[in-house]
PDB file of N, CA and C in Angstrom:
ATOM      1  N   UNK A   1     -13.364 -29.585  54.344  1.00  0.00           N
ATOM      2  CA  UNK A   1     -13.488 -28.225  53.882  1.00  0.00           C
ATOM      3  C   UNK A   1     -12.746 -27.315  54.837  1.00  0.00           C
ATOM      4  N   UNK A   2     -11.919 -26.510  54.260  1.00  0.00           N
ATOM      5  CA  UNK A   2     -11.170 -25.586  55.089  1.00  0.00           C
ATOM      6  C   UNK A   2     -11.886 -24.251  55.171  1.00  0.00           C
ATOM      7  N   UNK A   3     -11.770 -23.661  56.269  1.00  0.00           N
ATOM      8  CA  UNK A   3     -12.354 -22.330  56.443  1.00  0.00           C
ATOM      9  C   UNK A   3     -11.200 -21.341  56.433  1.00  0.00           C
ATOM     10  N   UNK A   4     -11.334 -20.348  55.603  1.00  0.00           N
ATOM     11  CA  UNK A   4     -10.264 -19.350  55.504  1.00  0.00           C
ATOM     12  C   UNK A   4     -10.408 -18.332  56.616  1.00  0.00           C
ATOM     13  N   UNK A   5      -9.286 -18.001  57.142  1.00  0.00           N
ATOM     14  CA  UNK A   5      -9.288 -16.978  58.173  1.00  0.00           C
ATOM     15  C   UNK A   5      -9.059 -15.611  57.550  1.00  0.00           C
ATOM     16  N   UNK A   6      -8.802 -14.651  58.345  1.00  0.00           N
ATOM     17  CA  UNK A   6      -8.583 -13.288  57.888  1.00  0.00           C
ATOM     18  C   UNK A   6      -7.359 -13.149  56.995  1.00  0.00           C
ATOM     19  N   UNK A   7      -6.367 -14.017  57.173  1.00  0.00           N
ATOM     20  CA  UNK A   7      -5.145 -13.924  56.373  1.00  0.00           C
ATOM     21  C   UNK A   7      -5.372 -14.400  54.947  1.00  0.00           C
ATOM     22  N   UNK A   8      -6.389 -15.216  54.687  1.00  0.00           N
ATOM     23  CA  UNK A   8      -6.662 -15.726  53.342  1.00  0.00           C
ATOM     24  C   UNK A   8      -7.038 -14.616  52.377  1.00  0.00           C
ATOM     25  N   UNK A   9      -7.549 -13.533  52.859  1.00  0.00           N
ATOM     26  CA  UNK A   9      -7.967 -12.424  52.002  1.00  0.00           C
ATOM     27  C   UNK A   9      -6.788 -11.532  51.630  1.00  0.00           C
ATOM     28  N   UNK A  10      -5.704 -11.620  52.371  1.00  0.00           N
ATOM     29  CA  UNK A  10      -4.560 -10.753  52.116  1.00  0.00           C
ATOM     30  C   UNK A  10      -3.935 -10.929  50.736  1.00  0.00           C
ATOM     31  N   UNK A  11      -3.694 -12.146  50.245  1.00  0.00           N
ATOM     32  CA  UNK A  11      -3.072 -12.248  48.924  1.00  0.00           C
ATOM     33  C   UNK A  11      -3.890 -11.576  47.829  1.00  0.00           C
ATOM     34  N   UNK A  12      -5.199 -11.698  47.856  1.00  0.00           N
ATOM     35  CA  UNK A  12      -5.987 -11.057  46.804  1.00  0.00           C
ATOM     36  C   UNK A  12      -5.984  -9.536  46.967  1.00  0.00           C
ATOM     37  N   UNK A  13      -5.954  -9.045  48.175  1.00  0.00           N
ATOM     38  CA  UNK A  13      -5.885  -7.600  48.389  1.00  0.00           C
ATOM     39  C   UNK A  13      -4.517  -7.073  47.943  1.00  0.00           C
ATOM     40  N   UNK A  14      -3.462  -7.833  48.222  1.00  0.00           N
ATOM     41  CA  UNK A  14      -2.119  -7.430  47.793  1.00  0.00           C
ATOM     42  C   UNK A  14      -2.020  -7.430  46.276  1.00  0.00           C
ATOM     43  N   UNK A  15      -2.614  -8.450  45.664  1.00  0.00           N
ATOM     44  CA  UNK A  15      -2.605  -8.546  44.209  1.00  0.00           C
ATOM     45  C   UNK A  15      -3.349  -7.362  43.591  1.00  0.00           C
ATOM     46  N   UNK A  16      -4.460  -6.990  44.181  1.00  0.00           N
ATOM     47  CA  UNK A  16      -5.230  -5.842  43.696  1.00  0.00           C
ATOM     48  C   UNK A  16      -4.405  -4.560  43.816  1.00  0.00           C
ATOM     49  N   UNK A  17      -3.724  -4.393  44.927  1.00  0.00           N
ATOM     50  CA  UNK A  17      -2.908  -3.200  45.138  1.00  0.00           C
ATOM     51  C   UNK A  17      -1.767  -3.130  44.118  1.00  0.00           C
ATOM     52  N   UNK A  18      -1.100  -4.249  43.877  1.00  0.00           N
ATOM     53  CA  UNK A  18      -0.015  -4.292  42.895  1.00  0.00           C
ATOM     54  C   UNK A  18      -0.558  -3.984  41.503  1.00  0.00           C
ATOM     55  N   UNK A  19      -1.705  -4.565  41.159  1.00  0.00           N
ATOM     56  CA  UNK A  19      -2.311  -4.333  39.839  1.00  0.00           C
ATOM     57  C   UNK A  19      -2.653  -2.864  39.643  1.00  0.00           C
ATOM     58  N   UNK A  20      -3.262  -2.257  40.646  1.00  0.00           N
ATOM     59  CA  UNK A  20      -3.623  -0.837  40.549  1.00  0.00           C
ATOM     60  C   UNK A  20      -2.375   0.041  40.426  1.00  0.00           C
ATOM     61  N   UNK A  21      -1.327  -0.312  41.143  1.00  0.00           N
ATOM     62  CA  UNK A  21      -0.079   0.445  41.060  1.00  0.00           C
ATOM     63  C   UNK A  21       0.509   0.359  39.657  1.00  0.00           C
ATOM     64  N   UNK A  22       0.517  -0.852  39.088  1.00  0.00           N
ATOM     65  CA  UNK A  22       1.050  -1.026  37.733  1.00  0.00           C
ATOM     66  C   UNK A  22       0.233  -0.257  36.705  1.00  0.00           C
ATOM     67  N   UNK A  23      -1.082  -0.299  36.823  1.00  0.00           N
ATOM     68  CA  UNK A  23      -1.943   0.447  35.900  1.00  0.00           C
ATOM     69  C   UNK A  23      -1.651   1.941  36.012  1.00  0.00           C
ATOM     70  N   UNK A  24      -1.497   2.426  37.228  1.00  0.00           N
ATOM     71  CA  UNK A  24      -1.179   3.844  37.427  1.00  0.00           C
ATOM     72  C   UNK A  24       0.148   4.228  36.797  1.00  0.00           C
ATOM     73  N   UNK A  25       1.155   3.368  36.946  1.00  0.00           N
ATOM     74  CA  UNK A  25       2.461   3.653  36.347  1.00  0.00           C
ATOM     75  C   UNK A  25       2.399   3.659  34.826  1.00  0.00           C
ATOM     76  N   UNK A  26       1.649   2.732  34.262  1.00  0.00           N
ATOM     77  CA  UNK A  26       1.504   2.690  32.805  1.00  0.00           C
ATOM     78  C   UNK A  26       0.820   3.963  32.311  1.00  0.00           C
ATOM     79  N   UNK A  27      -0.259   4.365  32.963  1.00  0.00           N
ATOM     80  CA  UNK A  27      -0.963   5.591  32.564  1.00  0.00           C
ATOM     81  C   UNK A  27      -0.062   6.813  32.711  1.00  0.00           C
ATOM     82  N   UNK A  28       0.712   6.852  33.764  1.00  0.00           N
ATOM     83  CA  UNK A  28       1.628   7.973  33.981  1.00  0.00           C
ATOM     84  C   UNK A  28       2.685   8.030  32.884  1.00  0.00           C
ATOM     85  N   UNK A  29       3.193   6.875  32.466  1.00  0.00           N
ATOM     86  CA  UNK A  29       4.211   6.882  31.412  1.00  0.00           C
ATOM     87  C   UNK A  29       3.636   7.377  30.095  1.00  0.00           C
ATOM     88  N   UNK A  30       2.367   7.057  29.808  1.00  0.00           N
ATOM     89  CA  UNK A  30       1.748   7.547  28.577  1.00  0.00           C
ATOM     90  C   UNK A  30       1.585   9.062  28.614  1.00  0.00           C
ATOM     91  N   UNK A  31       1.150   9.600  29.753  1.00  0.00           N
ATOM     92  CA  UNK A  31       0.959  11.048  29.811  1.00  0.00           C
ATOM     93  C   UNK A  31       2.291  11.772  29.789  1.00  0.00           C
ATOM     94  N   UNK A  32       3.296  11.222  30.428  1.00  0.00           N
ATOM     95  CA  UNK A  32       4.609  11.863  30.425  1.00  0.00           C
ATOM     96  C   UNK A  32       5.196  11.891  29.027  1.00  0.00           C
ATOM     97  N   UNK A  33       5.131  10.774  28.307  1.00  0.00           N
ATOM     98  CA  UNK A  33       5.722  10.747  26.970  1.00  0.00           C
ATOM     99  C   UNK A  33       4.938  11.612  26.004  1.00  0.00           C
ATOM    100  N   UNK A  34       3.610  11.710  26.179  1.00  0.00           N
ATOM    101  CA  UNK A  34       2.843  12.569  25.267  1.00  0.00           C
ATOM    102  C   UNK A  34       3.185  14.029  25.477  1.00  0.00           C
ATOM    103  N   UNK A  35       3.380  14.447  26.726  1.00  0.00           N
ATOM    104  CA  UNK A  35       3.687  15.852  26.946  1.00  0.00           C
ATOM    105  C   UNK A  35       5.081  16.186  26.425  1.00  0.00           C
ATOM    106  N   UNK A  36       6.021  15.259  26.512  1.00  0.00           N
ATOM    107  CA  UNK A  36       7.357  15.495  25.969  1.00  0.00           C
ATOM    108  C   UNK A  36       7.277  15.581  24.452  1.00  0.00           C
ATOM    109  N   UNK A  37       6.528  14.668  23.816  1.00  0.00           N
ATOM    110  CA  UNK A  37       6.399  14.686  22.364  1.00  0.00           C
ATOM    111  C   UNK A  37       5.694  15.946  21.881  1.00  0.00           C
ATOM    112  N   UNK A  38       4.748  16.446  22.656  1.00  0.00           N
ATOM    113  CA  UNK A  38       4.012  17.637  22.249  1.00  0.00           C
ATOM    114  C   UNK A  38       4.922  18.862  22.225  1.00  0.00           C
ATOM    115  N   UNK A  39       5.983  18.831  23.028  1.00  0.00           N
ATOM    116  CA  UNK A  39       6.875  19.981  23.099  1.00  0.00           C
ATOM    117  C   UNK A  39       7.814  20.080  21.903  1.00  0.00           C
ATOM    118  N   UNK A  40       8.133  18.969  21.250  1.00  0.00           N
ATOM    119  CA  UNK A  40       9.041  19.036  20.106  1.00  0.00           C
ATOM    120  C   UNK A  40       8.270  18.742  18.825  1.00  0.00           C
ATOM    121  N   UNK A  41       8.258  19.696  17.930  1.00  0.00           N
ATOM    122  CA  UNK A  41       7.527  19.557  16.679  1.00  0.00           C
ATOM    123  C   UNK A  41       8.401  18.845  15.660  1.00  0.00           C
ATOM    124  N   UNK A  42       7.765  18.062  14.820  1.00  0.00           N
ATOM    125  CA  UNK A  42       8.486  17.336  13.780  1.00  0.00           C
ATOM    126  C   UNK A  42       7.840  17.585  12.430  1.00  0.00           C
ATOM    127  N   UNK A  43       8.633  17.365  11.382  1.00  0.00           N
ATOM    128  CA  UNK A  43       8.163  17.539  10.007  1.00  0.00           C
ATOM    129  C   UNK A  43       8.581  16.319   9.212  1.00  0.00           C
ATOM    130  N   UNK A  44       7.915  16.105   8.106  1.00  0.00           N
ATOM    131  CA  UNK A  44       8.221  14.994   7.209  1.00  0.00           C
ATOM    132  C   UNK A  44       8.776  15.568   5.911  1.00  0.00           C
ATOM    133  N   UNK A  45       9.933  15.099   5.503  1.00  0.00           N
ATOM    134  CA  UNK A  45      10.548  15.578   4.259  1.00  0.00           C
ATOM    135  C   UNK A  45      10.990  14.389   3.406  1.00  0.00           C
ATOM    136  N   UNK A  46      11.214  14.649   2.140  1.00  0.00           N
ATOM    137  CA  UNK A  46      11.678  13.611   1.217  1.00  0.00           C
ATOM    138  C   UNK A  46      13.144  13.293   1.491  1.00  0.00           C
ATOM    139  N   UNK A  47      13.492  12.013   1.418  1.00  0.00           N
ATOM    140  CA  UNK A  47      14.901  11.628   1.525  1.00  0.00           C
ATOM    141  C   UNK A  47      15.622  12.105   0.269  1.00  0.00           C
ATOM    142  N   UNK A  48      16.822  12.620   0.426  1.00  0.00           N
ATOM    143  CA  UNK A  48      17.580  13.063  -0.753  1.00  0.00           C
ATOM    144  C   UNK A  48      17.829  11.928  -1.752  1.00  0.00           C
ATOM    145  N   UNK A  49      17.852  10.695  -1.258  1.00  0.00           N
ATOM    146  CA  UNK A  49      18.127   9.547  -2.129  1.00  0.00           C
ATOM    147  C   UNK A  49      16.883   8.992  -2.826  1.00  0.00           C
ATOM    148  N   UNK A  50      15.713   9.563  -2.545  1.00  0.00           N
ATOM    149  CA  UNK A  50      14.468   9.049  -3.141  1.00  0.00           C
ATOM    150  C   UNK A  50      14.458   9.282  -4.652  1.00  0.00           C
ATOM    151  N   UNK A  51      13.989   8.292  -5.372  1.00  0.00           N
ATOM    152  CA  UNK A  51      13.944   8.406  -6.838  1.00  0.00           C
ATOM    153  C   UNK A  51      12.798   9.320  -7.275  1.00  0.00           C
ATOM    154  N   UNK A  52      12.920   9.874  -8.453  1.00  0.00           N
ATOM    155  CA  UNK A  52      11.858  10.736  -8.995  1.00  0.00           C
ATOM    156  C   UNK A  52      10.550   9.974  -9.155  1.00  0.00           C
ATOM    157  N   UNK A  53      10.629   8.695  -9.519  1.00  0.00           N
ATOM    158  CA  UNK A  53       9.409   7.893  -9.665  1.00  0.00           C
ATOM    159  C   UNK A  53       8.660   7.789  -8.341  1.00  0.00           C
ATOM    160  N   UNK A  54       9.392   7.487  -7.276  1.00  0.00           N
ATOM    161  CA  UNK A  54       8.771   7.373  -5.950  1.00  0.00           C
ATOM    162  C   UNK A  54       8.238   8.730  -5.505  1.00  0.00           C
ATOM    163  N   UNK A  55       9.008   9.787  -5.712  1.00  0.00           N
ATOM    164  CA  UNK A  55       8.556  11.123  -5.306  1.00  0.00           C
ATOM    165  C   UNK A  55       7.290  11.525  -6.051  1.00  0.00           C
ATOM    166  N   UNK A  56       7.192  11.177  -7.320  1.00  0.00           N
ATOM    167  CA  UNK A  56       5.969  11.473  -8.090  1.00  0.00           C
ATOM    168  C   UNK A  56       4.777  10.732  -7.504  1.00  0.00           C
ATOM    169  N   UNK A  57       4.985   9.459  -7.148  1.00  0.00           N
ATOM    170  CA  UNK A  57       3.906   8.687  -6.517  1.00  0.00           C
ATOM    171  C   UNK A  57       3.507   9.312  -5.182  1.00  0.00           C
ATOM    172  N   UNK A  58       4.508   9.703  -4.387  1.00  0.00           N
ATOM    173  CA  UNK A  58       4.236  10.329  -3.089  1.00  0.00           C
ATOM    174  C   UNK A  58       3.454  11.628  -3.261  1.00  0.00           C
ATOM    175  N   UNK A  59       3.877  12.441  -4.208  1.00  0.00           N
ATOM    176  CA  UNK A  59       3.220  13.717  -4.478  1.00  0.00           C
ATOM    177  C   UNK A  59       1.761  13.490  -4.864  1.00  0.00           C
ATOM    178  N   UNK A  60       1.532  12.572  -5.780  1.00  0.00           N
ATOM    179  CA  UNK A  60       0.162  12.287  -6.223  1.00  0.00           C
ATOM    180  C   UNK A  60      -0.691  11.729  -5.094  1.00  0.00           C
ATOM    181  N   UNK A  61      -0.125  10.815  -4.299  1.00  0.00           N
ATOM    182  CA  UNK A  61      -0.891  10.229  -3.199  1.00  0.00           C
ATOM    183  C   UNK A  61      -1.228  11.288  -2.153  1.00  0.00           C
ATOM    184  N   UNK A  62      -0.215  12.024  -1.697  1.00  0.00           N
ATOM    185  CA  UNK A  62      -0.446  13.025  -0.649  1.00  0.00           C
ATOM    186  C   UNK A  62      -1.482  14.047  -1.096  1.00  0.00           C
ATOM    187  N   UNK A  63      -1.369  14.506  -2.343  1.00  0.00           N
ATOM    188  CA  UNK A  63      -2.298  15.532  -2.837  1.00  0.00           C
ATOM    189  C   UNK A  63      -3.691  14.975  -3.120  1.00  0.00           C
ATOM    190  N   UNK A  64      -3.824  13.652  -3.171  1.00  0.00           N
ATOM    191  CA  UNK A  64      -5.164  13.067  -3.302  1.00  0.00           C
ATOM    192  C   UNK A  64      -5.847  12.987  -1.938  1.00  0.00           C
ATOM    193  N   UNK A  65      -5.058  13.163  -0.872  1.00  0.00           N
ATOM    194  CA  UNK A  65      -5.581  13.058   0.493  1.00  0.00           C
ATOM    195  C   UNK A  65      -5.736  14.413   1.191  1.00  0.00           C
ATOM    196  N   UNK A  66      -4.915  15.378   0.818  1.00  0.00           N
ATOM    197  CA  UNK A  66      -4.943  16.710   1.445  1.00  0.00           C
ATOM    198  C   UNK A  66      -4.844  17.777   0.361  1.00  0.00           C
ATOM    199  N   UNK A  67      -5.191  18.995   0.711  1.00  0.00           N
ATOM    200  CA  UNK A  67      -5.088  20.098  -0.251  1.00  0.00           C
ATOM    201  C   UNK A  67      -3.624  20.493  -0.431  1.00  0.00           C
ATOM    202  N   UNK A  68      -3.193  20.519  -1.669  1.00  0.00           N
ATOM    203  CA  UNK A  68      -1.814  20.905  -1.995  1.00  0.00           C
ATOM    204  C   UNK A  68      -1.773  22.262  -2.692  1.00  0.00           C
ATOM    205  N   UNK A  69      -2.714  23.128  -2.362  1.00  0.00           N
ATOM    206  CA  UNK A  69      -2.793  24.444  -3.003  1.00  0.00           C
ATOM    207  C   UNK A  69      -1.506  25.245  -2.833  1.00  0.00           C
ATOM    208  N   UNK A  70      -0.788  25.046  -1.729  1.00  0.00           N
ATOM    209  CA  UNK A  70       0.427  25.829  -1.473  1.00  0.00           C
ATOM    210  C   UNK A  70       1.544  25.543  -2.470  1.00  0.00           C
ATOM    211  N   UNK A  71       1.484  24.393  -3.161  1.00  0.00           N
ATOM    212  CA  UNK A  71       2.536  24.090  -4.142  1.00  0.00           C
ATOM    213  C   UNK A  71       2.072  24.324  -5.579  1.00  0.00           C
ATOM    214  N   UNK A  72       0.853  24.827  -5.731  1.00  0.00           N
ATOM    215  CA  UNK A  72       0.363  25.161  -7.071  1.00  0.00           C
ATOM    216  C   UNK A  72       0.961  26.500  -7.498  1.00  0.00           C
ATOM    217  N   UNK A  73       0.952  26.759  -8.795  1.00  0.00           N
ATOM    218  CA  UNK A  73       1.490  28.022  -9.310  1.00  0.00           C
ATOM    219  C   UNK A  73       0.825  29.187  -8.583  1.00  0.00           C
ATOM    220  N   UNK A  74       1.632  30.105  -8.087  1.00  0.00           N
ATOM    221  CA  UNK A  74       1.132  31.246  -7.325  1.00  0.00           C
ATOM    222  C   UNK A  74       1.087  30.981  -5.826  1.00  0.00           C
ATOM    223  N   UNK A  75       1.240  29.729  -5.405  1.00  0.00           N
ATOM    224  CA  UNK A  75       1.227  29.384  -3.981  1.00  0.00           C
ATOM    225  C   UNK A  75       2.564  29.697  -3.329  1.00  0.00           C
ATOM    226  N   UNK A  76       2.593  29.836  -2.010  1.00  0.00           N
ATOM    227  CA  UNK A  76       3.820  30.221  -1.313  1.00  0.00           C
ATOM    228  C   UNK A  76       4.941  29.181  -1.391  1.00  0.00           C
ATOM    229  N   UNK A  77       4.614  27.942  -1.736  1.00  0.00           N
ATOM    230  CA  UNK A  77       5.634  26.885  -1.813  1.00  0.00           C
ATOM    231  C   UNK A  77       5.847  26.386  -3.238  1.00  0.00           C
ATOM    232  N   UNK A  78       5.431  27.186  -4.224  1.00  0.00           N
ATOM    233  CA  UNK A  78       5.597  26.772  -5.621  1.00  0.00           C
ATOM    234  C   UNK A  78       7.072  26.737  -6.013  1.00  0.00           C
ATOM    235  N   UNK A  79       7.831  27.729  -5.547  1.00  0.00           N
ATOM    236  CA  UNK A  79       9.266  27.774  -5.851  1.00  0.00           C
ATOM    237  C   UNK A  79      10.054  27.229  -4.676  1.00  0.00           C
ATOM    238  N   UNK A  80      11.125  26.509  -4.872  1.00  0.00           N
ATOM    239  CA  UNK A  80      11.653  26.144  -6.180  1.00  0.00           C
ATOM    240  C   UNK A  80      10.756  25.094  -6.840  1.00  0.00           C
ATOM    241  N   UNK A  81      10.562  25.260  -8.111  1.00  0.00           N
ATOM    242  CA  UNK A  81       9.672  24.379  -8.865  1.00  0.00           C
ATOM    243  C   UNK A  81      10.432  23.112  -9.270  1.00  0.00           C
ATOM    244  N   UNK A  82      10.636  22.244  -8.275  1.00  0.00           N
ATOM    245  CA  UNK A  82      11.268  20.953  -8.575  1.00  0.00           C
ATOM    246  C   UNK A  82      10.558  19.863  -7.783  1.00  0.00           C
ATOM    247  N   UNK A  83      10.713  18.661  -8.235  1.00  0.00           N
ATOM    248  CA  UNK A  83       9.975  17.533  -7.675  1.00  0.00           C
ATOM    249  C   UNK A  83      10.290  17.283  -6.206  1.00  0.00           C
ATOM    250  N   UNK A  84      11.543  17.372  -5.823  1.00  0.00           N
ATOM    251  CA  UNK A  84      11.915  17.108  -4.430  1.00  0.00           C
ATOM    252  C   UNK A  84      11.219  18.091  -3.493  1.00  0.00           C
ATOM    253  N   UNK A  85      11.266  19.371  -3.806  1.00  0.00           N
ATOM    254  CA  UNK A  85      10.641  20.390  -2.951  1.00  0.00           C
ATOM    255  C   UNK A  85       9.129  20.221  -2.885  1.00  0.00           C
ATOM    256  N   UNK A  86       8.523  20.046  -4.031  1.00  0.00           N
ATOM    257  CA  UNK A  86       7.060  19.923  -4.060  1.00  0.00           C
ATOM    258  C   UNK A  86       6.596  18.655  -3.350  1.00  0.00           C
ATOM    259  N   UNK A  87       7.310  17.548  -3.566  1.00  0.00           N
ATOM    260  CA  UNK A  87       6.946  16.293  -2.895  1.00  0.00           C
ATOM    261  C   UNK A  87       7.124  16.427  -1.384  1.00  0.00           C
ATOM    262  N   UNK A  88       8.205  17.072  -0.953  1.00  0.00           N
ATOM    263  CA  UNK A  88       8.451  17.242   0.481  1.00  0.00           C
ATOM    264  C   UNK A  88       7.329  18.038   1.141  1.00  0.00           C
ATOM    265  N   UNK A  89       6.898  19.110   0.498  1.00  0.00           N
ATOM    266  CA  UNK A  89       5.803  19.917   1.055  1.00  0.00           C
ATOM    267  C   UNK A  89       4.528  19.078   1.128  1.00  0.00           C
ATOM    268  N   UNK A  90       4.211  18.363   0.059  1.00  0.00           N
ATOM    269  CA  UNK A  90       2.996  17.540   0.025  1.00  0.00           C
ATOM    270  C   UNK A  90       3.049  16.428   1.068  1.00  0.00           C
ATOM    271  N   UNK A  91       4.198  15.782   1.189  1.00  0.00           N
ATOM    272  CA  UNK A  91       4.345  14.705   2.169  1.00  0.00           C
ATOM    273  C   UNK A  91       4.181  15.242   3.588  1.00  0.00           C
ATOM    274  N   UNK A  92       4.713  16.430   3.851  1.00  0.00           N
ATOM    275  CA  UNK A  92       4.557  17.023   5.174  1.00  0.00           C
ATOM    276  C   UNK A  92       3.107  17.422   5.443  1.00  0.00           C
ATOM    277  N   UNK A  93       2.414  17.920   4.429  1.00  0.00           N
ATOM    278  CA  UNK A  93       0.993  18.255   4.598  1.00  0.00           C
ATOM    279  C   UNK A  93       0.201  17.010   5.004  1.00  0.00           C
ATOM    280  N   UNK A  94       0.480  15.894   4.346  1.00  0.00           N
ATOM    281  CA  UNK A  94      -0.183  14.624   4.663  1.00  0.00           C
ATOM    282  C   UNK A  94       0.173  14.190   6.086  1.00  0.00           C
ATOM    283  N   UNK A  95       1.445  14.235   6.415  1.00  0.00           N
ATOM    284  CA  UNK A  95       1.952  13.851   7.737  1.00  0.00           C
ATOM    285  C   UNK A  95       1.275  14.681   8.835  1.00  0.00           C
ATOM    286  N   UNK A  96       1.222  15.992   8.650  1.00  0.00           N
ATOM    287  CA  UNK A  96       0.616  16.882   9.645  1.00  0.00           C
ATOM    288  C   UNK A  96      -0.887  16.644   9.771  1.00  0.00           C
ATOM    289  N   UNK A  97      -1.556  16.426   8.648  1.00  0.00           N
ATOM    290  CA  UNK A  97      -3.008  16.224   8.668  1.00  0.00           C
ATOM    291  C   UNK A  97      -3.402  14.911   9.331  1.00  0.00           C
ATOM    292  N   UNK A  98      -2.477  13.976   9.403  1.00  0.00           N
ATOM    293  CA  UNK A  98      -2.779  12.658   9.952  1.00  0.00           C
ATOM    294  C   UNK A  98      -2.152  12.406  11.316  1.00  0.00           C
ATOM    295  N   UNK A  99      -1.798  13.468  12.016  1.00  0.00           N
ATOM    296  CA  UNK A  99      -1.374  13.332  13.405  1.00  0.00           C
ATOM    297  C   UNK A  99       0.114  13.309  13.678  1.00  0.00           C
ATOM    298  N   UNK A 100       0.945  13.511  12.670  1.00  0.00           N
ATOM    299  CA  UNK A 100       2.402  13.541  12.841  1.00  0.00           C
ATOM    300  C   UNK A 100       2.956  12.255  13.458  1.00  0.00           C
ATOM    301  N   UNK A 101       2.380  11.131  13.107  1.00  0.00           N
ATOM    302  CA  UNK A 101       2.890   9.841  13.575  1.00  0.00           C
ATOM    303  C   UNK A 101       3.997   9.386  12.629  1.00  0.00           C
ATOM    304  N   UNK A 102       5.017   8.719  13.135  1.00  0.00           N
ATOM    305  CA  UNK A 102       6.108   8.267  12.255  1.00  0.00           C
ATOM    306  C   UNK A 102       5.617   7.446  11.062  1.00  0.00           C
ATOM    307  N   UNK A 103       4.586   6.640  11.281  1.00  0.00           N
ATOM    308  CA  UNK A 103       4.080   5.806  10.181  1.00  0.00           C
ATOM    309  C   UNK A 103       3.396   6.627   9.093  1.00  0.00           C
ATOM    310  N   UNK A 104       3.055   7.875   9.376  1.00  0.00           N
ATOM    311  CA  UNK A 104       2.475   8.743   8.345  1.00  0.00           C
ATOM    312  C   UNK A 104       3.556   9.435   7.514  1.00  0.00           C
ATOM    313  N   UNK A 105       4.807   9.126   7.794  1.00  0.00           N
ATOM    314  CA  UNK A 105       5.926   9.697   7.038  1.00  0.00           C
ATOM    315  C   UNK A 105       6.803   8.584   6.475  1.00  0.00           C
ATOM    316  N   UNK A 106       6.225   7.449   6.223  1.00  0.00           N
ATOM    317  CA  UNK A 106       7.028   6.337   5.707  1.00  0.00           C
ATOM    318  C   UNK A 106       7.207   6.449   4.195  1.00  0.00           C
ATOM    319  N   UNK A 107       6.109   6.569   3.472  1.00  0.00           N
ATOM    320  CA  UNK A 107       6.135   6.730   2.011  1.00  0.00           C
ATOM    321  C   UNK A 107       7.121   5.760   1.344  1.00  0.00           C
ATOM    322  N   UNK A 108       6.929   4.476   1.623  1.00  0.00           N
ATOM    323  CA  UNK A 108       7.800   3.431   1.054  1.00  0.00           C
ATOM    324  C   UNK A 108       9.280   3.699   1.317  1.00  0.00           C
ATOM    325  N   UNK A 109       9.555   4.143   2.535  1.00  0.00           N
ATOM    326  CA  UNK A 109      10.930   4.400   2.982  1.00  0.00           C
ATOM    327  C   UNK A 109      11.630   5.495   2.168  1.00  0.00           C
ATOM    328  N   UNK A 110      10.853   6.456   1.691  1.00  0.00           N
ATOM    329  CA  UNK A 110      11.440   7.550   0.902  1.00  0.00           C
ATOM    330  C   UNK A 110      11.320   8.897   1.607  1.00  0.00           C
ATOM    331  N   UNK A 111      11.033   8.866   2.913  1.00  0.00           N
ATOM    332  CA  UNK A 111      10.853  10.107   3.667  1.00  0.00           C
ATOM    333  C   UNK A 111      11.561  10.013   5.016  1.00  0.00           C
ATOM    334  N   UNK A 112      11.771  11.168   5.614  1.00  0.00           N
ATOM    335  CA  UNK A 112      12.415  11.268   6.924  1.00  0.00           C
ATOM    336  C   UNK A 112      11.604  12.176   7.828  1.00  0.00           C
ATOM    337  N   UNK A 113      11.558  11.850   9.116  1.00  0.00           N
ATOM    338  CA  UNK A 113      10.993  12.757  10.111  1.00  0.00           C
ATOM    339  C   UNK A 113      12.161  13.577  10.638  1.00  0.00           C
ATOM    340  N   UNK A 114      12.019  14.901  10.595  1.00  0.00           N
ATOM    341  CA  UNK A 114      13.089  15.793  11.054  1.00  0.00           C
ATOM    342  C   UNK A 114      12.575  16.708  12.159  1.00  0.00           C
ATOM    343  N   UNK A 115      13.499  17.206  12.973  1.00  0.00           N
ATOM    344  CA  UNK A 115      13.136  18.117  14.058  1.00  0.00           C
ATOM    345  C   UNK A 115      13.525  19.559  13.756  1.00  0.00           C
ATOM    346  N   UNK A 116      14.147  19.797  12.618  1.00  0.00           N
ATOM    347  CA  UNK A 116      14.479  21.161  12.189  1.00  0.00           C
ATOM    348  C   UNK A 116      13.428  21.623  11.196  1.00  0.00           C
ATOM    349  N   UNK A 117      12.888  22.787  11.428  1.00  0.00           N
ATOM    350  CA  UNK A 117      11.839  23.331  10.566  1.00  0.00           C
ATOM    351  C   UNK A 117      12.382  23.559   9.153  1.00  0.00           C
ATOM    352  N   UNK A 118      11.819  22.867   8.157  1.00  0.00           N
ATOM    353  CA  UNK A 118      12.302  23.019   6.783  1.00  0.00           C
ATOM    354  C   UNK A 118      11.693  24.206   6.037  1.00  0.00           C
ATOM    355  N   UNK A 119      10.919  25.036   6.720  1.00  0.00           N
ATOM    356  CA  UNK A 119      10.300  26.198   6.073  1.00  0.00           C
ATOM    357  C   UNK A 119      11.364  27.095   5.451  1.00  0.00           C
ATOM    358  N   UNK A 120      10.996  27.772   4.378  1.00  0.00           N
ATOM    359  CA  UNK A 120      11.927  28.683   3.702  1.00  0.00           C
ATOM    360  C   UNK A 120      11.128  29.808   3.062  1.00  0.00           C
ATOM    361  N   UNK A 121      11.718  30.995   3.024  1.00  0.00           N
ATOM    362  CA  UNK A 121      11.041  32.147   2.421  1.00  0.00           C
ATOM    363  C   UNK A 121       9.612  32.278   2.918  1.00  0.00           C
ATOM    364  N   UNK A 122       8.668  32.324   1.977  1.00  0.00           N
ATOM    365  CA  UNK A 122       7.256  32.434   2.359  1.00  0.00           C
ATOM    366  C   UNK A 122       6.590  31.065   2.477  1.00  0.00           C
ATOM    367  N   UNK A 123       7.361  30.000   2.305  1.00  0.00           N
ATOM    368  CA  UNK A 123       6.819  28.637   2.395  1.00  0.00           C
ATOM    369  C   UNK A 123       6.955  28.124   3.824  1.00  0.00           C
ATOM    370  N   UNK A 124       5.830  28.021   4.512  1.00  0.00           N
ATOM    371  CA  UNK A 124       5.812  27.548   5.888  1.00  0.00           C
ATOM    372  C   UNK A 124       5.354  26.100   5.935  1.00  0.00           C
ATOM    373  N   UNK A 125       6.180  25.255   6.508  1.00  0.00           N
ATOM    374  CA  UNK A 125       5.806  23.853   6.751  1.00  0.00           C
ATOM    375  C   UNK A 125       5.017  23.813   8.053  1.00  0.00           C
ATOM    376  N   UNK A 126       3.822  23.265   8.025  1.00  0.00           N
ATOM    377  CA  UNK A 126       2.997  23.164   9.237  1.00  0.00           C
ATOM    378  C   UNK A 126       3.131  21.811   9.865  1.00  0.00           C
TER     379      UNK A 126
END
């Protein structure tokens, strides 16, 4: 049986120090990236190439999950009264209500995340 001296404890102490350093760096990278992401706002809009069938499905799905009152007649986003505009507003409402994560703007690959505010006239994209 060997008896460990004072040096036998060093590898485990070094390992602990390295582990704590790595955990700290990982946590720091998460906070740094979140603060950068918080500074740039994004919106979800319909792809220009999306078919009317897909946009109709997106519109119906998004409005079943969030209030789409802004695109109803008399609402600030009713005009222009076309499927692309109405679907884009509804898709963005869903995207915003669910945390603005890229996966909340997928819509079967018929949507895009943009960094330019698509608001127009009295229609504000949130």
